[in-house]
Amino acid sequence: MKKEIDNIALKAINKFIYYALNYEPNQSVYVLGKTYWVPKFLTDINWGCATSHMVEKWTEISEKQETGYSVMLLFYVSLDNECKIKLLNWVLDNYKGESRLTTNEEV
């Protein structure tokens, strides 16, 4: 049972890392009189707060970074635990572009 749980965890971590390195800001959202381009998850997830708050959080982080690779990770660690779980569930349900760890993944 532990090995099965470990395998699920490894696949989930792998999927999140691939998403963090490959997401595209392909969703436009109009917030506070301005249009922002953000990743789709920002508008898909019901965060339990105003979407504008999450867009502002994302934008603040992304404007401070010289490269986009760290934005997703910094955004993730800035979330409370409830929002982290929502984001991880969204990635698990929606992202299919990760490289598989084995050729016979069933989970």
N, C-alpha and C. Protein backbone atom coordinates (compact mmCIF):
# COMPACT_ATOMS: atom_id res chain seq x y z
N MET A 1 0.82 -1.20 0.00
CA MET A 1 0.00 0.00 0.00
C MET A 1 0.86 1.27 0.00
N LYS A 2 1.94 1.28 0.81
CA LYS A 2 2.82 2.44 0.85
C LYS A 2 3.46 2.69 -0.51
N LYS A 3 3.88 1.63 -1.18
CA LYS A 3 4.50 1.80 -2.50
C LYS A 3 3.51 2.40 -3.50
N GLU A 4 2.27 1.98 -3.44
CA GLU A 4 1.24 2.52 -4.33
C GLU A 4 1.02 4.01 -4.06
N ILE A 5 0.95 4.38 -2.78
CA ILE A 5 0.78 5.79 -2.42
C ILE A 5 2.00 6.61 -2.85
N ASP A 6 3.18 6.06 -2.66
CA ASP A 6 4.41 6.74 -3.09
C ASP A 6 4.40 6.95 -4.61
N ASN A 7 3.96 5.96 -5.37
CA ASN A 7 3.91 6.09 -6.83
C ASN A 7 2.93 7.18 -7.26
N ILE A 8 1.79 7.26 -6.59
CA ILE A 8 0.82 8.32 -6.89
C ILE A 8 1.44 9.68 -6.59
N ALA A 9 2.11 9.78 -5.45
CA ALA A 9 2.75 11.04 -5.07
C ALA A 9 3.83 11.44 -6.07
N LEU A 10 4.62 10.50 -6.51
CA LEU A 10 5.67 10.79 -7.49
C LEU A 10 5.07 11.31 -8.80
N LYS A 11 4.00 10.69 -9.25
CA LYS A 11 3.36 11.12 -10.49
C LYS A 11 2.76 12.51 -10.34
N ALA A 12 2.17 12.79 -9.19
CA ALA A 12 1.58 14.11 -8.95
C ALA A 12 2.66 15.19 -8.91
N ILE A 13 3.75 14.92 -8.24
CA ILE A 13 4.86 15.87 -8.18
C ILE A 13 5.41 16.11 -9.58
N ASN A 14 5.61 15.05 -10.33
CA ASN A 14 6.11 15.14 -11.70
C ASN A 14 5.19 16.00 -12.56
N LYS A 15 3.89 15.77 -12.44
CA LYS A 15 2.91 16.53 -13.22
C LYS A 15 2.96 18.01 -12.86
N PHE A 16 3.03 18.33 -11.57
CA PHE A 16 3.06 19.72 -11.15
C PHE A 16 4.32 20.42 -11.66
N ILE A 17 5.45 19.77 -11.56
CA ILE A 17 6.70 20.39 -12.02
C ILE A 17 6.65 20.65 -13.52
N TYR A 18 6.17 19.68 -14.30
CA TYR A 18 6.05 19.90 -15.74
C TYR A 18 5.09 21.05 -16.04
N TYR A 19 3.97 21.10 -15.32
CA TYR A 19 3.03 22.20 -15.55
C TYR A 19 3.69 23.53 -15.20
N ALA A 20 4.39 23.59 -14.07
CA ALA A 20 5.04 24.83 -13.64
C ALA A 20 6.04 25.34 -14.67
N LEU A 21 6.65 24.43 -15.40
CA LEU A 21 7.64 24.83 -16.41
C LEU A 21 7.05 25.06 -17.79
N ASN A 22 5.77 24.67 -17.99
CA ASN A 22 5.19 24.74 -19.33
C ASN A 22 3.87 25.48 -19.43
N TYR A 23 3.35 26.04 -18.33
CA TYR A 23 2.07 26.74 -18.41
C TYR A 23 2.20 27.94 -19.35
N GLU A 24 1.07 28.35 -19.90
CA GLU A 24 1.06 29.54 -20.74
C GLU A 24 0.02 30.52 -20.21
N PRO A 25 0.36 31.80 -20.15
CA PRO A 25 -0.63 32.79 -19.75
C PRO A 25 -1.57 33.06 -20.93
N ASN A 26 -2.55 32.19 -21.11
CA ASN A 26 -3.40 32.23 -22.30
C ASN A 26 -4.85 32.61 -22.00
N GLN A 27 -5.09 33.13 -20.83
CA GLN A 27 -6.44 33.52 -20.43
C GLN A 27 -6.43 35.01 -20.14
N SER A 28 -7.28 35.78 -20.83
CA SER A 28 -7.33 37.21 -20.52
C SER A 28 -8.40 37.44 -19.46
N VAL A 29 -8.11 38.33 -18.55
CA VAL A 29 -9.05 38.68 -17.49
C VAL A 29 -8.97 40.18 -17.27
N TYR A 30 -10.13 40.79 -17.14
CA TYR A 30 -10.22 42.23 -16.95
C TYR A 30 -10.42 42.51 -15.46
N VAL A 31 -9.43 43.14 -14.84
CA VAL A 31 -9.47 43.40 -13.40
C VAL A 31 -9.07 44.85 -13.14
N LEU A 32 -9.90 45.54 -12.40
CA LEU A 32 -9.61 46.91 -11.98
C LEU A 32 -9.19 47.80 -13.16
N GLY A 33 -9.93 47.71 -14.24
CA GLY A 33 -9.71 48.58 -15.38
C GLY A 33 -8.55 48.20 -16.28
N LYS A 34 -8.03 47.01 -16.12
CA LYS A 34 -6.88 46.59 -16.93
C LYS A 34 -7.03 45.12 -17.32
N THR A 35 -6.54 44.78 -18.52
CA THR A 35 -6.58 43.39 -18.98
C THR A 35 -5.24 42.73 -18.67
N TYR A 36 -5.30 41.55 -18.06
CA TYR A 36 -4.11 40.76 -17.73
C TYR A 36 -4.19 39.43 -18.46
N TRP A 37 -3.04 38.92 -18.85
CA TRP A 37 -2.95 37.57 -19.40
C TRP A 37 -2.39 36.67 -18.31
N VAL A 38 -3.17 35.67 -17.96
CA VAL A 38 -2.82 34.79 -16.84
C VAL A 38 -3.03 33.33 -17.26
N PRO A 39 -2.47 32.39 -16.51
CA PRO A 39 -2.74 30.98 -16.78
C PRO A 39 -4.22 30.67 -16.54
N LYS A 40 -4.74 29.72 -17.26
CA LYS A 40 -6.16 29.37 -17.20
C LYS A 40 -6.62 29.00 -15.80
N PHE A 41 -5.78 28.36 -15.02
CA PHE A 41 -6.20 27.92 -13.68
C PHE A 41 -6.65 29.10 -12.81
N LEU A 42 -6.07 30.29 -13.05
CA LEU A 42 -6.42 31.43 -12.20
C LEU A 42 -7.89 31.79 -12.29
N THR A 43 -8.49 31.60 -13.46
CA THR A 43 -9.91 31.91 -13.61
C THR A 43 -10.80 30.68 -13.49
N ASP A 44 -10.24 29.49 -13.60
CA ASP A 44 -11.03 28.26 -13.49
C ASP A 44 -11.33 27.87 -12.05
N ILE A 45 -10.40 28.11 -11.17
CA ILE A 45 -10.53 27.64 -9.78
C ILE A 45 -11.40 28.60 -8.97
N ASN A 46 -12.28 28.04 -8.18
CA ASN A 46 -13.05 28.83 -7.22
C ASN A 46 -12.19 28.94 -5.96
N TRP A 47 -11.48 30.03 -5.84
CA TRP A 47 -10.50 30.21 -4.78
C TRP A 47 -11.13 30.52 -3.43
N GLY A 48 -12.38 30.93 -3.42
CA GLY A 48 -13.00 31.34 -2.17
C GLY A 48 -12.75 32.80 -1.86
N CYS A 49 -12.20 33.52 -2.83
CA CYS A 49 -11.97 34.96 -2.73
C CYS A 49 -12.16 35.54 -4.13
N ALA A 50 -12.08 36.83 -4.24
CA ALA A 50 -12.25 37.48 -5.54
C ALA A 50 -11.13 37.07 -6.49
N THR A 51 -11.50 36.81 -7.74
CA THR A 51 -10.49 36.48 -8.75
C THR A 51 -9.46 37.59 -8.85
N SER A 52 -9.91 38.83 -8.68
CA SER A 52 -8.97 39.95 -8.78
C SER A 52 -7.84 39.83 -7.76
N HIS A 53 -8.12 39.29 -6.58
CA HIS A 53 -7.07 39.11 -5.57
C HIS A 53 -6.00 38.14 -6.09
N MET A 54 -6.43 37.05 -6.69
CA MET A 54 -5.46 36.06 -7.19
C MET A 54 -4.70 36.59 -8.40
N VAL A 55 -5.38 37.36 -9.26
CA VAL A 55 -4.70 37.97 -10.42
C VAL A 55 -3.66 38.96 -9.93
N GLU A 56 -4.00 39.76 -8.93
CA GLU A 56 -3.04 40.71 -8.38
C GLU A 56 -1.85 40.00 -7.76
N LYS A 57 -2.11 38.91 -7.04
CA LYS A 57 -1.03 38.13 -6.43
C LYS A 57 -0.11 37.57 -7.51
N TRP A 58 -0.71 36.98 -8.57
CA TRP A 58 0.06 36.42 -9.68
C TRP A 58 0.89 37.51 -10.36
N THR A 59 0.26 38.65 -10.65
CA THR A 59 0.92 39.74 -11.36
C THR A 59 2.07 40.31 -10.55
N GLU A 60 1.85 40.48 -9.26
CA GLU A 60 2.91 41.00 -8.39
C GLU A 60 4.14 40.08 -8.42
N ILE A 61 3.91 38.80 -8.34
CA ILE A 61 5.02 37.85 -8.37
C ILE A 61 5.69 37.84 -9.74
N SER A 62 4.88 37.80 -10.80
CA SER A 62 5.46 37.67 -12.15
C SER A 62 6.23 38.92 -12.56
N GLU A 63 5.82 40.08 -12.09
CA GLU A 63 6.53 41.31 -12.44
C GLU A 63 7.88 41.43 -11.74
N LYS A 64 8.08 40.72 -10.65
CA LYS A 64 9.34 40.75 -9.92
C LYS A 64 10.38 39.77 -10.48
N GLN A 65 9.95 38.84 -11.30
CA GLN A 65 10.84 37.78 -11.77
C GLN A 65 11.43 38.10 -13.13
N GLU A 66 12.69 37.76 -13.31
CA GLU A 66 13.34 37.97 -14.60
C GLU A 66 12.97 36.87 -15.59
N THR A 67 12.69 35.69 -15.11
CA THR A 67 12.24 34.59 -15.97
C THR A 67 10.92 34.06 -15.45
N GLY A 68 10.16 33.45 -16.31
CA GLY A 68 8.86 32.92 -15.92
C GLY A 68 8.90 31.61 -15.18
N TYR A 69 10.03 30.94 -15.18
CA TYR A 69 10.09 29.60 -14.59
C TYR A 69 9.81 29.58 -13.09
N SER A 70 10.18 30.61 -12.39
CA SER A 70 9.98 30.59 -10.94
C SER A 70 8.63 31.15 -10.51
N VAL A 71 7.90 31.77 -11.41
CA VAL A 71 6.64 32.42 -11.04
C VAL A 71 5.64 31.42 -10.47
N MET A 72 5.47 30.30 -11.14
CA MET A 72 4.49 29.32 -10.68
C MET A 72 4.85 28.78 -9.29
N LEU A 73 6.11 28.50 -9.07
CA LEU A 73 6.53 27.99 -7.76
C LEU A 73 6.37 29.04 -6.67
N LEU A 74 6.73 30.27 -6.95
CA LEU A 74 6.56 31.34 -5.97
C LEU A 74 5.08 31.61 -5.70
N PHE A 75 4.27 31.54 -6.74
CA PHE A 75 2.82 31.71 -6.55
C PHE A 75 2.29 30.59 -5.65
N TYR A 76 2.70 29.36 -5.93
CA TYR A 76 2.24 28.22 -5.13
C TYR A 76 2.59 28.39 -3.65
N VAL A 77 3.82 28.75 -3.36
CA VAL A 77 4.21 28.86 -1.95
C VAL A 77 3.58 30.07 -1.27
N SER A 78 3.05 31.01 -2.03
CA SER A 78 2.38 32.17 -1.43
C SER A 78 0.93 31.86 -1.05
N LEU A 79 0.41 30.72 -1.48
CA LEU A 79 -0.98 30.36 -1.21
C LEU A 79 -1.15 29.75 0.18
N ASP A 80 -2.35 29.88 0.73
CA ASP A 80 -2.64 29.14 1.96
C ASP A 80 -2.89 27.67 1.58
N ASN A 81 -2.94 26.80 2.56
CA ASN A 81 -3.04 25.37 2.28
C ASN A 81 -4.28 25.00 1.49
N GLU A 82 -5.41 25.63 1.77
CA GLU A 82 -6.64 25.34 1.04
C GLU A 82 -6.50 25.66 -0.45
N CYS A 83 -5.89 26.79 -0.75
CA CYS A 83 -5.69 27.18 -2.15
C CYS A 83 -4.62 26.32 -2.83
N LYS A 84 -3.61 25.90 -2.09
CA LYS A 84 -2.61 24.98 -2.66
C LYS A 84 -3.28 23.69 -3.12
N ILE A 85 -4.18 23.17 -2.29
CA ILE A 85 -4.88 21.92 -2.64
C ILE A 85 -5.75 22.15 -3.88
N LYS A 86 -6.42 23.28 -3.96
CA LYS A 86 -7.25 23.57 -5.13
C LYS A 86 -6.40 23.63 -6.39
N LEU A 87 -5.25 24.28 -6.30
CA LEU A 87 -4.35 24.38 -7.46
C LEU A 87 -3.82 23.00 -7.86
N LEU A 88 -3.38 22.23 -6.89
CA LEU A 88 -2.86 20.89 -7.19
C LEU A 88 -3.93 20.01 -7.82
N ASN A 89 -5.15 20.08 -7.31
CA ASN A 89 -6.23 19.30 -7.91
C ASN A 89 -6.53 19.74 -9.33
N TRP A 90 -6.46 21.05 -9.59
CA TRP A 90 -6.69 21.55 -10.94
C TRP A 90 -5.62 20.99 -11.89
N VAL A 91 -4.37 21.05 -11.47
CA VAL A 91 -3.28 20.54 -12.31
C VAL A 91 -3.47 19.05 -12.57
N LEU A 92 -3.78 18.29 -11.54
CA LEU A 92 -3.99 16.84 -11.71
C LEU A 92 -5.12 16.56 -12.68
N ASP A 93 -6.18 17.33 -12.62
CA ASP A 93 -7.34 17.10 -13.48
C ASP A 93 -7.18 17.62 -14.90
N ASN A 94 -6.36 18.64 -15.09
CA ASN A 94 -6.35 19.35 -16.37
C ASN A 94 -5.06 19.26 -17.19
N TYR A 95 -3.94 19.01 -16.56
CA TYR A 95 -2.68 19.03 -17.30
C TYR A 95 -2.29 17.63 -17.74
N LYS A 96 -2.04 17.48 -19.03
CA LYS A 96 -1.71 16.16 -19.58
C LYS A 96 -0.36 16.17 -20.32
N GLY A 97 0.46 17.20 -20.15
CA GLY A 97 1.67 17.33 -20.94
C GLY A 97 2.94 16.85 -20.28
N GLU A 98 2.82 16.21 -19.12
CA GLU A 98 4.05 15.79 -18.42
C GLU A 98 4.68 14.57 -19.10
N SER A 99 5.97 14.45 -18.93
CA SER A 99 6.69 13.26 -19.37
C SER A 99 6.44 12.17 -18.34
N ARG A 100 6.07 11.01 -18.79
CA ARG A 100 5.76 9.91 -17.86
C ARG A 100 7.03 9.35 -17.24
N LEU A 101 6.89 8.93 -16.00
CA LEU A 101 8.03 8.37 -15.29
C LEU A 101 8.31 6.94 -15.72
N THR A 102 7.26 6.21 -16.11
CA THR A 102 7.41 4.85 -16.61
C THR A 102 6.53 4.70 -17.84
N THR A 103 6.71 3.62 -18.55
CA THR A 103 5.91 3.40 -19.75
C THR A 103 4.57 2.75 -19.46
N ASN A 104 4.36 2.24 -18.25
CA ASN A 104 3.12 1.53 -17.94
C ASN A 104 2.39 2.17 -16.76
N GLU A 105 2.28 3.50 -16.76
CA GLU A 105 1.58 4.17 -15.68
C GLU A 105 0.09 3.89 -15.77
N GLU A 106 -0.46 3.41 -14.69
CA GLU A 106 -1.90 3.14 -14.66
C GLU A 106 -2.64 4.17 -13.85
N VAL A 107 -1.96 4.86 -12.97
CA VAL A 107 -2.62 5.81 -12.08
C VAL A 107 -2.57 7.20 -12.69
